[in-house]
Amino acid sequence: ISRDNAKREVYLQMNNVKPEDTAVYYCAVFAPSGYWGQGTQV
């Protein structure tokens, strides 16, 4: 996981993925209230 504070972006580099990694992945930000994205299917 990494982030770019200036761009307000967060990334997830996924290597050597496995079938058990199959899921909907959600981004979350705590500022301090929590905010969630809609999710992206992997």
PDB file of all heavy atoms in Angstrom:
ATOM      1  N   ILE A   1       0.853  -1.189   0.000  1.00  0.00           N
ATOM      2  CA  ILE A   1       0.000   0.000   0.000  1.00  0.00           C
ATOM      3  C   ILE A   1       0.890   1.241   0.000  1.00  0.00           C
ATOM      4  O   ILE A   1       1.952   1.262   0.633  1.00  0.00           O
ATOM      5  CB  ILE A   1      -0.954   0.009   1.221  1.00  0.00           C
ATOM      6  CG1 ILE A   1      -1.987   1.133   1.089  1.00  0.00           C
ATOM      7  CG2 ILE A   1      -0.186   0.095   2.532  1.00  0.00           C
ATOM      8  CD1 ILE A   1      -3.100   1.053   2.142  1.00  0.00           C
ATOM      9  N   SER A   2       0.453   2.253  -0.714  1.00  0.00           N
ATOM     10  CA  SER A   2       1.180   3.519  -0.740  1.00  0.00           C
ATOM     11  C   SER A   2       0.176   4.648  -0.930  1.00  0.00           C
ATOM     12  O   SER A   2      -0.983   4.403  -1.273  1.00  0.00           O
ATOM     13  CB  SER A   2       2.232   3.535  -1.854  1.00  0.00           C
ATOM     14  OG  SER A   2       1.625   3.364  -3.121  1.00  0.00           O
ATOM     15  N   ARG A   3       0.622   5.866  -0.711  1.00  0.00           N
ATOM     16  CA  ARG A   3      -0.280   7.008  -0.838  1.00  0.00           C
ATOM     17  C   ARG A   3       0.463   8.226  -1.357  1.00  0.00           C
ATOM     18  O   ARG A   3       1.680   8.357  -1.178  1.00  0.00           O
ATOM     19  CB  ARG A   3      -0.950   7.329   0.497  1.00  0.00           C
ATOM     20  CG  ARG A   3      -0.001   7.733   1.604  1.00  0.00           C
ATOM     21  CD  ARG A   3      -0.716   7.796   2.959  1.00  0.00           C
ATOM     22  NE  ARG A   3      -1.502   9.013   3.117  1.00  0.00           N
ATOM     23  CZ  ARG A   3      -2.302   9.231   4.154  1.00  0.00           C
ATOM     24  NH1 ARG A   3      -2.444   8.292   5.100  1.00  0.00           N
ATOM     25  NH2 ARG A   3      -2.973  10.371   4.248  1.00  0.00           N
ATOM     26  N   ASP A   4      -0.285   9.101  -1.986  1.00  0.00           N
ATOM     27  CA  ASP A   4       0.227  10.387  -2.447  1.00  0.00           C
ATOM     28  C   ASP A   4      -0.625  11.447  -1.763  1.00  0.00           C
ATOM     29  O   ASP A   4      -1.773  11.667  -2.162  1.00  0.00           O
ATOM     30  CB  ASP A   4       0.137  10.475  -3.970  1.00  0.00           C
ATOM     31  CG  ASP A   4       0.781  11.742  -4.520  1.00  0.00           C
ATOM     32  OD1 ASP A   4       0.696  12.795  -3.860  1.00  0.00           O
ATOM     33  OD2 ASP A   4       1.348  11.676  -5.619  1.00  0.00           O
ATOM     34  N   ASN A   5      -0.087  12.073  -0.738  1.00  0.00           N
ATOM     35  CA  ASN A   5      -0.871  13.019   0.049  1.00  0.00           C
ATOM     36  C   ASN A   5      -1.270  14.251  -0.766  1.00  0.00           C
ATOM     37  O   ASN A   5      -2.370  14.779  -0.590  1.00  0.00           O
ATOM     38  CB  ASN A   5      -0.097  13.452   1.287  1.00  0.00           C
ATOM     39  CG  ASN A   5       0.062  12.328   2.285  1.00  0.00           C
ATOM     40  OD1 ASN A   5      -0.824  11.480   2.421  1.00  0.00           O
ATOM     41  ND2 ASN A   5       1.190  12.285   2.977  1.00  0.00           N
ATOM     42  N   ALA A   6      -0.400  14.678  -1.641  1.00  0.00           N
ATOM     43  CA  ALA A   6      -0.708  15.871  -2.448  1.00  0.00           C
ATOM     44  C   ALA A   6      -1.893  15.608  -3.372  1.00  0.00           C
ATOM     45  O   ALA A   6      -2.739  16.488  -3.587  1.00  0.00           O
ATOM     46  CB  ALA A   6       0.511  16.291  -3.242  1.00  0.00           C
ATOM     47  N   LYS A   7      -1.958  14.397  -3.903  1.00  0.00           N
ATOM     48  CA  LYS A   7      -3.046  14.044  -4.820  1.00  0.00           C
ATOM     49  C   LYS A   7      -4.250  13.457  -4.079  1.00  0.00           C
ATOM     50  O   LYS A   7      -5.297  13.257  -4.685  1.00  0.00           O
ATOM     51  CB  LYS A   7      -2.558  13.035  -5.855  1.00  0.00           C
ATOM     52  CG  LYS A   7      -1.510  13.568  -6.814  1.00  0.00           C
ATOM     53  CD  LYS A   7      -1.139  12.504  -7.838  1.00  0.00           C
ATOM     54  CE  LYS A   7      -0.138  13.032  -8.851  1.00  0.00           C
ATOM     55  NZ  LYS A   7       0.241  11.984  -9.849  1.00  0.00           N
ATOM     56  N   ARG A   8      -4.053  13.156  -2.786  1.00  0.00           N
ATOM     57  CA  ARG A   8      -5.098  12.510  -1.991  1.00  0.00           C
ATOM     58  C   ARG A   8      -5.511  11.186  -2.638  1.00  0.00           C
ATOM     59  O   ARG A   8      -6.694  10.900  -2.821  1.00  0.00           O
ATOM     60  CB  ARG A   8      -6.300  13.430  -1.777  1.00  0.00           C
ATOM     61  CG  ARG A   8      -5.922  14.680  -0.985  1.00  0.00           C
ATOM     62  CD  ARG A   8      -7.121  15.445  -0.479  1.00  0.00           C
ATOM     63  NE  ARG A   8      -7.984  15.939  -1.523  1.00  0.00           N
ATOM     64  CZ  ARG A   8      -9.078  16.673  -1.297  1.00  0.00           C
ATOM     65  NH1 ARG A   8      -9.408  16.971  -0.054  1.00  0.00           N
ATOM     66  NH2 ARG A   8      -9.795  17.099  -2.285  1.00  0.00           N
ATOM     67  N   GLU A   9      -4.493  10.418  -2.971  1.00  0.00           N
ATOM     68  CA  GLU A   9      -4.713   9.126  -3.596  1.00  0.00           C
ATOM     69  C   GLU A   9      -4.019   8.030  -2.781  1.00  0.00           C
ATOM     70  O   GLU A   9      -2.977   8.263  -2.163  1.00  0.00           O
ATOM     71  CB  GLU A   9      -4.198   9.108  -5.027  1.00  0.00           C
ATOM     72  CG  GLU A   9      -4.959  10.049  -5.957  1.00  0.00           C
ATOM     73  CD  GLU A   9      -4.485   9.980  -7.388  1.00  0.00           C
ATOM     74  OE1 GLU A   9      -3.505   9.263  -7.656  1.00  0.00           O
ATOM     75  OE2 GLU A   9      -5.092  10.648  -8.257  1.00  0.00           O
ATOM     76  N   VAL A  10      -4.595   6.846  -2.839  1.00  0.00           N
ATOM     77  CA  VAL A  10      -4.001   5.681  -2.201  1.00  0.00           C
ATOM     78  C   VAL A  10      -3.986   4.553  -3.228  1.00  0.00           C
ATOM     79  O   VAL A  10      -4.886   4.472  -4.074  1.00  0.00           O
ATOM     80  CB  VAL A  10      -4.766   5.281  -0.922  1.00  0.00           C
ATOM     81  CG1 VAL A  10      -6.210   4.915  -1.219  1.00  0.00           C
ATOM     82  CG2 VAL A  10      -4.063   4.159  -0.178  1.00  0.00           C
ATOM     83  N   TYR A  11      -2.954   3.719  -3.151  1.00  0.00           N
ATOM     84  CA  TYR A  11      -2.754   2.665  -4.131  1.00  0.00           C
ATOM     85  C   TYR A  11      -2.553   1.325  -3.425  1.00  0.00           C
ATOM     86  O   TYR A  11      -2.109   1.276  -2.277  1.00  0.00           O
ATOM     87  CB  TYR A  11      -1.525   2.967  -4.999  1.00  0.00           C
ATOM     88  CG  TYR A  11      -1.477   4.389  -5.490  1.00  0.00           C
ATOM     89  CD1 TYR A  11      -0.673   5.343  -4.843  1.00  0.00           C
ATOM     90  CD2 TYR A  11      -2.233   4.802  -6.583  1.00  0.00           C
ATOM     91  CE1 TYR A  11      -0.631   6.658  -5.278  1.00  0.00           C
ATOM     92  CE2 TYR A  11      -2.192   6.120  -7.020  1.00  0.00           C
ATOM     93  CZ  TYR A  11      -1.395   7.044  -6.365  1.00  0.00           C
ATOM     94  OH  TYR A  11      -1.361   8.340  -6.790  1.00  0.00           O
ATOM     95  N   LEU A  12      -2.855   0.264  -4.144  1.00  0.00           N
ATOM     96  CA  LEU A  12      -2.585  -1.076  -3.650  1.00  0.00           C
ATOM     97  C   LEU A  12      -1.953  -1.869  -4.781  1.00  0.00           C
ATOM     98  O   LEU A  12      -2.626  -2.182  -5.763  1.00  0.00           O
ATOM     99  CB  LEU A  12      -3.856  -1.767  -3.152  1.00  0.00           C
ATOM    100  CG  LEU A  12      -3.630  -3.122  -2.489  1.00  0.00           C
ATOM    101  CD1 LEU A  12      -2.888  -2.956  -1.158  1.00  0.00           C
ATOM    102  CD2 LEU A  12      -4.952  -3.856  -2.267  1.00  0.00           C
ATOM    103  N   GLN A  13      -0.679  -2.153  -4.652  1.00  0.00           N
ATOM    104  CA  GLN A  13       0.009  -2.987  -5.619  1.00  0.00           C
ATOM    105  C   GLN A  13      -0.136  -4.432  -5.178  1.00  0.00           C
ATOM    106  O   GLN A  13       0.288  -4.795  -4.080  1.00  0.00           O
ATOM    107  CB  GLN A  13       1.492  -2.607  -5.703  1.00  0.00           C
ATOM    108  CG  GLN A  13       2.304  -3.459  -6.658  1.00  0.00           C
ATOM    109  CD  GLN A  13       1.883  -3.291  -8.104  1.00  0.00           C
ATOM    110  OE1 GLN A  13       1.631  -2.180  -8.568  1.00  0.00           O
ATOM    111  NE2 GLN A  13       1.780  -4.400  -8.827  1.00  0.00           N
ATOM    112  N   MET A  14      -0.737  -5.238  -6.033  1.00  0.00           N
ATOM    113  CA  MET A  14      -1.020  -6.632  -5.710  1.00  0.00           C
ATOM    114  C   MET A  14      -0.169  -7.518  -6.599  1.00  0.00           C
ATOM    115  O   MET A  14      -0.354  -7.537  -7.816  1.00  0.00           O
ATOM    116  CB  MET A  14      -2.511  -6.917  -5.936  1.00  0.00           C
ATOM    117  CG  MET A  14      -3.433  -5.964  -5.189  1.00  0.00           C
ATOM    118  SD  MET A  14      -5.160  -6.077  -5.746  1.00  0.00           S
ATOM    119  CE  MET A  14      -5.551  -7.762  -5.357  1.00  0.00           C
ATOM    120  N   ASN A  15       0.771  -8.227  -6.016  1.00  0.00           N
ATOM    121  CA  ASN A  15       1.640  -9.133  -6.756  1.00  0.00           C
ATOM    122  C   ASN A  15       1.380 -10.575  -6.333  1.00  0.00           C
ATOM    123  O   ASN A  15       0.898 -10.832  -5.228  1.00  0.00           O
ATOM    124  CB  ASN A  15       3.107  -8.790  -6.514  1.00  0.00           C
ATOM    125  CG  ASN A  15       3.486  -7.418  -7.023  1.00  0.00           C
ATOM    126  OD1 ASN A  15       2.916  -6.933  -8.006  1.00  0.00           O
ATOM    127  ND2 ASN A  15       4.445  -6.786  -6.382  1.00  0.00           N
ATOM    128  N   ASN A  16       1.724 -11.486  -7.226  1.00  0.00           N
ATOM    129  CA  ASN A  16       1.549 -12.912  -6.939  1.00  0.00           C
ATOM    130  C   ASN A  16       0.141 -13.185  -6.390  1.00  0.00           C
ATOM    131  O   ASN A  16      -0.015 -13.833  -5.345  1.00  0.00           O
ATOM    132  CB  ASN A  16       2.616 -13.385  -5.950  1.00  0.00           C
ATOM    133  CG  ASN A  16       2.645 -14.888  -5.788  1.00  0.00           C
ATOM    134  OD1 ASN A  16       2.227 -15.637  -6.670  1.00  0.00           O
ATOM    135  ND2 ASN A  16       3.118 -15.340  -4.643  1.00  0.00           N
ATOM    136  N   VAL A  17      -0.854 -12.710  -7.084  1.00  0.00           N
ATOM    137  CA  VAL A  17      -2.223 -12.851  -6.589  1.00  0.00           C
ATOM    138  C   VAL A  17      -2.662 -14.313  -6.618  1.00  0.00           C
ATOM    139  O   VAL A  17      -2.155 -15.123  -7.410  1.00  0.00           O
ATOM    140  CB  VAL A  17      -3.210 -11.970  -7.384  1.00  0.00           C
ATOM    141  CG1 VAL A  17      -2.892 -10.506  -7.178  1.00  0.00           C
ATOM    142  CG2 VAL A  17      -3.192 -12.332  -8.857  1.00  0.00           C
ATOM    143  N   LYS A  18      -3.598 -14.618  -5.735  1.00  0.00           N
ATOM    144  CA  LYS A  18      -4.108 -15.980  -5.596  1.00  0.00           C
ATOM    145  C   LYS A  18      -5.620 -15.969  -5.783  1.00  0.00           C
ATOM    146  O   LYS A  18      -6.264 -14.931  -5.574  1.00  0.00           O
ATOM    147  CB  LYS A  18      -3.768 -16.516  -4.209  1.00  0.00           C
ATOM    148  CG  LYS A  18      -2.279 -16.494  -3.888  1.00  0.00           C
ATOM    149  CD  LYS A  18      -2.028 -16.954  -2.452  1.00  0.00           C
ATOM    150  CE  LYS A  18      -0.544 -16.937  -2.120  1.00  0.00           C
ATOM    151  NZ  LYS A  18      -0.293 -17.383  -0.727  1.00  0.00           N
ATOM    152  N   PRO A  19      -6.208 -17.109  -6.133  1.00  0.00           N
ATOM    153  CA  PRO A  19      -7.672 -17.150  -6.285  1.00  0.00           C
ATOM    154  C   PRO A  19      -8.406 -16.672  -5.038  1.00  0.00           C
ATOM    155  O   PRO A  19      -9.478 -16.052  -5.154  1.00  0.00           O
ATOM    156  CB  PRO A  19      -7.945 -18.630  -6.566  1.00  0.00           C
ATOM    157  CG  PRO A  19      -6.707 -19.105  -7.247  1.00  0.00           C
ATOM    158  CD  PRO A  19      -5.581 -18.374  -6.564  1.00  0.00           C
ATOM    159  N   GLU A  20      -7.847 -16.893  -3.868  1.00  0.00           N
ATOM    160  CA  GLU A  20      -8.498 -16.446  -2.640  1.00  0.00           C
ATOM    161  C   GLU A  20      -8.445 -14.937  -2.446  1.00  0.00           C
ATOM    162  O   GLU A  20      -9.055 -14.413  -1.506  1.00  0.00           O
ATOM    163  CB  GLU A  20      -7.893 -17.151  -1.414  1.00  0.00           C
ATOM    164  CG  GLU A  20      -6.384 -17.099  -1.331  1.00  0.00           C
ATOM    165  CD  GLU A  20      -5.730 -18.360  -1.888  1.00  0.00           C
ATOM    166  OE1 GLU A  20      -6.172 -18.859  -2.953  1.00  0.00           O
ATOM    167  OE2 GLU A  20      -4.754 -18.837  -1.258  1.00  0.00           O
ATOM    168  N   ASP A  21      -7.762 -14.223  -3.323  1.00  0.00           N
ATOM    169  CA  ASP A  21      -7.776 -12.763  -3.293  1.00  0.00           C
ATOM    170  C   ASP A  21      -9.002 -12.198  -4.023  1.00  0.00           C
ATOM    171  O   ASP A  21      -9.227 -10.982  -3.998  1.00  0.00           O
ATOM    172  CB  ASP A  21      -6.508 -12.189  -3.934  1.00  0.00           C
ATOM    173  CG  ASP A  21      -5.251 -12.510  -3.145  1.00  0.00           C
ATOM    174  OD1 ASP A  21      -5.305 -12.504  -1.904  1.00  0.00           O
ATOM    175  OD2 ASP A  21      -4.221 -12.797  -3.795  1.00  0.00           O
ATOM    176  N   THR A  22      -9.762 -13.060  -4.656  1.00  0.00           N
ATOM    177  CA  THR A  22     -10.964 -12.624  -5.364  1.00  0.00           C
ATOM    178  C   THR A  22     -11.946 -11.991  -4.395  1.00  0.00           C
ATOM    179  O   THR A  22     -12.322 -12.609  -3.392  1.00  0.00           O
ATOM    180  CB  THR A  22     -11.621 -13.803  -6.085  1.00  0.00           C
ATOM    181  OG1 THR A  22     -10.738 -14.275  -7.115  1.00  0.00           O
ATOM    182  CG2 THR A  22     -12.952 -13.403  -6.703  1.00  0.00           C
ATOM    183  N   ALA A  23     -12.333 -10.751  -4.677  1.00  0.00           N
ATOM    184  CA  ALA A  23     -13.228 -10.020  -3.780  1.00  0.00           C
ATOM    185  C   ALA A  23     -13.536  -8.658  -4.399  1.00  0.00           C
ATOM    186  O   ALA A  23     -12.912  -8.262  -5.395  1.00  0.00           O
ATOM    187  CB  ALA A  23     -12.581  -9.820  -2.416  1.00  0.00           C
ATOM    188  N   VAL A  24     -14.470  -7.969  -3.782  1.00  0.00           N
ATOM    189  CA  VAL A  24     -14.656  -6.551  -4.083  1.00  0.00           C
ATOM    190  C   VAL A  24     -13.754  -5.777  -3.131  1.00  0.00           C
ATOM    191  O   VAL A  24     -13.805  -5.980  -1.916  1.00  0.00           O
ATOM    192  CB  VAL A  24     -16.120  -6.115  -3.908  1.00  0.00           C
ATOM    193  CG1 VAL A  24     -16.258  -4.613  -4.171  1.00  0.00           C
ATOM    194  CG2 VAL A  24     -17.031  -6.903  -4.842  1.00  0.00           C
ATOM    195  N   TYR A  25     -12.921  -4.915  -3.694  1.00  0.00           N
ATOM    196  CA  TYR A  25     -11.970  -4.145  -2.903  1.00  0.00           C
ATOM    197  C   TYR A  25     -12.498  -2.724  -2.713  1.00  0.00           C
ATOM    198  O   TYR A  25     -12.872  -2.060  -3.677  1.00  0.00           O
ATOM    199  CB  TYR A  25     -10.612  -4.133  -3.585  1.00  0.00           C
ATOM    200  CG  TYR A  25      -9.869  -5.434  -3.410  1.00  0.00           C
ATOM    201  CD1 TYR A  25     -10.289  -6.594  -4.062  1.00  0.00           C
ATOM    202  CD2 TYR A  25      -8.757  -5.526  -2.577  1.00  0.00           C
ATOM    203  CE1 TYR A  25      -9.626  -7.804  -3.881  1.00  0.00           C
ATOM    204  CE2 TYR A  25      -8.077  -6.729  -2.392  1.00  0.00           C
ATOM    205  CZ  TYR A  25      -8.525  -7.861  -3.046  1.00  0.00           C
ATOM    206  OH  TYR A  25      -7.865  -9.053  -2.865  1.00  0.00           O
ATOM    207  N   TYR A  26     -12.499  -2.295  -1.461  1.00  0.00           N
ATOM    208  CA  TYR A  26     -13.018  -0.982  -1.110  1.00  0.00           C
ATOM    209  C   TYR A  26     -11.910  -0.087  -0.565  1.00  0.00           C
ATOM    210  O   TYR A  26     -11.117  -0.512   0.286  1.00  0.00           O
ATOM    211  CB  TYR A  26     -14.102  -1.098  -0.046  1.00  0.00           C
ATOM    212  CG  TYR A  26     -15.321  -1.869  -0.474  1.00  0.00           C
ATOM    213  CD1 TYR A  26     -15.413  -3.247  -0.270  1.00  0.00           C
ATOM    214  CD2 TYR A  26     -16.396  -1.222  -1.074  1.00  0.00           C
ATOM    215  CE1 TYR A  26     -16.528  -3.960  -0.657  1.00  0.00           C
ATOM    216  CE2 TYR A  26     -17.530  -1.930  -1.460  1.00  0.00           C
ATOM    217  CZ  TYR A  26     -17.587  -3.286  -1.252  1.00  0.00           C
ATOM    218  OH  TYR A  26     -18.694  -3.983  -1.634  1.00  0.00           O
ATOM    219  N   CYS A  27     -11.898   1.122  -1.042  1.00  0.00           N
ATOM    220  CA  CYS A  27     -11.006   2.134  -0.514  1.00  0.00           C
ATOM    221  C   CYS A  27     -11.706   2.822   0.660  1.00  0.00           C
ATOM    222  O   CYS A  27     -12.923   3.040   0.617  1.00  0.00           O
ATOM    223  CB  CYS A  27     -10.702   3.136  -1.627  1.00  0.00           C
ATOM    224  SG  CYS A  27      -9.910   4.651  -1.115  1.00  0.00           S
ATOM    225  N   ALA A  28     -10.938   3.166   1.690  1.00  0.00           N
ATOM    226  CA  ALA A  28     -11.495   3.870   2.840  1.00  0.00           C
ATOM    227  C   ALA A  28     -10.535   4.961   3.282  1.00  0.00           C
ATOM    228  O   ALA A  28      -9.320   4.780   3.251  1.00  0.00           O
ATOM    229  CB  ALA A  28     -11.746   2.910   3.994  1.00  0.00           C
ATOM    230  N   VAL A  29     -11.115   6.069   3.683  1.00  0.00           N
ATOM    231  CA  VAL A  29     -10.333   7.203   4.164  1.00  0.00           C
ATOM    232  C   VAL A  29     -10.904   7.635   5.495  1.00  0.00           C
ATOM    233  O   VAL A  29     -12.124   7.731   5.649  1.00  0.00           O
ATOM    234  CB  VAL A  29     -10.402   8.364   3.147  1.00  0.00           C
ATOM    235  CG1 VAL A  29      -9.890   9.654   3.761  1.00  0.00           C
ATOM    236  CG2 VAL A  29      -9.626   8.032   1.897  1.00  0.00           C
ATOM    237  N   PHE A  30     -10.031   7.910   6.466  1.00  0.00           N
ATOM    238  CA  PHE A  30     -10.476   8.323   7.785  1.00  0.00           C
ATOM    239  C   PHE A  30      -9.889   9.701   8.074  1.00  0.00           C
ATOM    240  O   PHE A  30      -8.679   9.875   8.129  1.00  0.00           O
ATOM    241  CB  PHE A  30     -10.038   7.302   8.831  1.00  0.00           C
ATOM    242  CG  PHE A  30     -10.620   5.944   8.562  1.00  0.00           C
ATOM    243  CD1 PHE A  30      -9.944   5.024   7.772  1.00  0.00           C
ATOM    244  CD2 PHE A  30     -11.879   5.606   9.034  1.00  0.00           C
ATOM    245  CE1 PHE A  30     -10.494   3.778   7.496  1.00  0.00           C
ATOM    246  CE2 PHE A  30     -12.434   4.362   8.767  1.00  0.00           C
ATOM    247  CZ  PHE A  30     -11.750   3.450   7.994  1.00  0.00           C
ATOM    248  N   ALA A  31     -10.800  10.712   8.235  1.00  0.00           N
ATOM    249  CA  ALA A  31     -10.321  12.096   8.259  1.00  0.00           C
ATOM    250  C   ALA A  31     -11.078  13.002   9.203  1.00  0.00           C
ATOM    251  O   ALA A  31     -11.439  14.105   8.800  1.00  0.00           O
ATOM    252  CB  ALA A  31     -10.373  12.641   6.849  1.00  0.00           C
ATOM    253  N   PRO A  32     -11.296  12.743  10.481  1.00  0.00           N
ATOM    254  CA  PRO A  32     -11.261  11.402  11.057  1.00  0.00           C
ATOM    255  C   PRO A  32     -12.510  10.574  10.764  1.00  0.00           C
ATOM    256  O   PRO A  32     -12.496   9.362  10.974  1.00  0.00           O
ATOM    257  CB  PRO A  32     -11.142  11.706  12.551  1.00  0.00           C
ATOM    258  CG  PRO A  32     -11.887  13.003  12.728  1.00  0.00           C
ATOM    259  CD  PRO A  32     -11.613  13.768  11.460  1.00  0.00           C
ATOM    260  N   SER A  33     -13.574  11.208  10.284  1.00  0.00           N
ATOM    261  CA  SER A  33     -14.742  10.407   9.914  1.00  0.00           C
ATOM    262  C   SER A  33     -14.375   9.472   8.770  1.00  0.00           C
ATOM    263  O   SER A  33     -13.479   9.770   7.987  1.00  0.00           O
ATOM    264  CB  SER A  33     -15.879  11.327   9.472  1.00  0.00           C
ATOM    265  OG  SER A  33     -16.274  12.168  10.542  1.00  0.00           O
ATOM    266  N   GLY A  34     -15.049   8.365   8.710  1.00  0.00           N
ATOM    267  CA  GLY A  34     -14.743   7.381   7.683  1.00  0.00           C
ATOM    268  C   GLY A  34     -15.559   7.576   6.423  1.00  0.00           C
ATOM    269  O   GLY A  34     -16.758   7.867   6.486  1.00  0.00           O
ATOM    270  N   TYR A  35     -14.893   7.443   5.289  1.00  0.00           N
ATOM    271  CA  TYR A  35     -15.542   7.532   3.987  1.00  0.00           C
ATOM    272  C   TYR A  35     -15.147   6.296   3.176  1.00  0.00           C
ATOM    273  O   TYR A  35     -14.006   5.833   3.265  1.00  0.00           O
ATOM    274  CB  TYR A  35     -15.126   8.803   3.243  1.00  0.00           C
ATOM    275  CG  TYR A  35     -15.396  10.067   4.015  1.00  0.00           C
ATOM    276  CD1 TYR A  35     -14.408  10.652   4.811  1.00  0.00           C
ATOM    277  CD2 TYR A  35     -16.651  10.679   3.961  1.00  0.00           C
ATOM    278  CE1 TYR A  35     -14.666  11.809   5.531  1.00  0.00           C
ATOM    279  CE2 TYR A  35     -16.906  11.841   4.674  1.00  0.00           C
ATOM    280  CZ  TYR A  35     -15.912  12.395   5.466  1.00  0.00           C
ATOM    281  OH  TYR A  35     -16.168  13.536   6.176  1.00  0.00           O
ATOM    282  N   TRP A  36     -16.093   5.804   2.385  1.00  0.00           N
ATOM    283  CA  TRP A  36     -15.860   4.574   1.633  1.00  0.00           C
ATOM    284  C   TRP A  36     -16.158   4.783   0.161  1.00  0.00           C
ATOM    285  O   TRP A  36     -17.071   5.531  -0.203  1.00  0.00           O
ATOM    286  CB  TRP A  36     -16.751   3.458   2.176  1.00  0.00           C
ATOM    287  CG  TRP A  36     -16.397   3.063   3.569  1.00  0.00           C
ATOM    288  CD1 TRP A  36     -16.764   3.671   4.730  1.00  0.00           C
ATOM    289  CD2 TRP A  36     -15.580   1.956   3.960  1.00  0.00           C
ATOM    290  NE1 TRP A  36     -16.235   3.013   5.807  1.00  0.00           N
ATOM    291  CE2 TRP A  36     -15.502   1.957   5.375  1.00  0.00           C
ATOM    292  CE3 TRP A  36     -14.907   0.961   3.254  1.00  0.00           C
ATOM    293  CZ2 TRP A  36     -14.783   0.996   6.088  1.00  0.00           C
ATOM    294  CZ3 TRP A  36     -14.188   0.004   3.959  1.00  0.00           C
ATOM    295  CH2 TRP A  36     -14.135   0.025   5.362  1.00  0.00           C
ATOM    296  N   GLY A  37     -15.393   4.065  -0.661  1.00  0.00           N
ATOM    297  CA  GLY A  37     -15.687   4.051  -2.077  1.00  0.00           C
ATOM    298  C   GLY A  37     -16.738   3.014  -2.399  1.00  0.00           C
ATOM    299  O   GLY A  37     -17.215   2.289  -1.522  1.00  0.00           O
ATOM    300  N   GLN A  38     -17.088   2.927  -3.679  1.00  0.00           N
ATOM    301  CA  GLN A  38     -18.129   2.003  -4.120  1.00  0.00           C
ATOM    302  C   GLN A  38     -17.593   0.591  -4.314  1.00  0.00           C
ATOM    303  O   GLN A  38     -18.377  -0.357  -4.379  1.00  0.00           O
ATOM    304  CB  GLN A  38     -18.749   2.503  -5.425  1.00  0.00           C
ATOM    305  CG  GLN A  38     -19.512   3.807  -5.269  1.00  0.00           C
ATOM    306  CD  GLN A  38     -20.704   3.648  -4.359  1.00  0.00           C
ATOM    307  OE1 GLN A  38     -21.506   2.741  -4.512  1.00  0.00           O
ATOM    308  NE2 GLN A  38     -20.826   4.547  -3.380  1.00  0.00           N
ATOM    309  N   GLY A  39     -16.287   0.466  -4.415  1.00  0.00           N
ATOM    310  CA  GLY A  39     -15.690  -0.856  -4.574  1.00  0.00           C
ATOM    311  C   GLY A  39     -15.327  -1.157  -6.017  1.00  0.00           C
ATOM    312  O   GLY A  39     -15.954  -0.650  -6.944  1.00  0.00           O
ATOM    313  N   THR A  40     -14.307  -1.991  -6.172  1.00  0.00           N
ATOM    314  CA  THR A  40     -13.900  -2.456  -7.493  1.00  0.00           C
ATOM    315  C   THR A  40     -13.653  -3.959  -7.422  1.00  0.00           C
ATOM    316  O   THR A  40     -13.047  -4.457  -6.470  1.00  0.00           O
ATOM    317  CB  THR A  40     -12.641  -1.699  -7.993  1.00  0.00           C
ATOM    318  OG1 THR A  40     -12.325  -2.103  -9.317  1.00  0.00           O
ATOM    319  CG2 THR A  40     -11.430  -1.951  -7.092  1.00  0.00           C
ATOM    320  N   GLN A  41     -14.160  -4.674  -8.397  1.00  0.00           N
ATOM    321  CA  GLN A  41     -14.088  -6.138  -8.395  1.00  0.00           C
ATOM    322  C   GLN A  41     -12.707  -6.607  -8.842  1.00  0.00           C
ATOM    323  O   GLN A  41     -12.195  -6.150  -9.873  1.00  0.00           O
ATOM    324  CB  GLN A  41     -15.148  -6.726  -9.309  1.00  0.00           C
ATOM    325  CG  GLN A  41     -15.103  -8.247  -9.441  1.00  0.00           C
ATOM    326  CD  GLN A  41     -15.529  -8.959  -8.169  1.00  0.00           C
ATOM    327  OE1 GLN A  41     -16.550  -8.624  -7.579  1.00  0.00           O
ATOM    328  NE2 GLN A  41     -14.751  -9.963  -7.755  1.00  0.00           N
ATOM    329  N   VAL A  42     -12.141  -7.510  -8.074  1.00  0.00           N
ATOM    330  CA  VAL A  42     -10.902  -8.183  -8.458  1.00  0.00           C
ATOM    331  C   VAL A  42     -11.206  -9.676  -8.517  1.00  0.00           C
ATOM    332  O   VAL A  42     -11.677 -10.257  -7.540  1.00  0.00           O
ATOM    333  CB  VAL A  42      -9.773  -7.913  -7.447  1.00  0.00           C
ATOM    334  CG1 VAL A  42      -8.560  -8.791  -7.759  1.00  0.00           C
ATOM    335  CG2 VAL A  42      -9.381  -6.444  -7.481  1.00  0.00           C
TER     336      VAL A  42
END
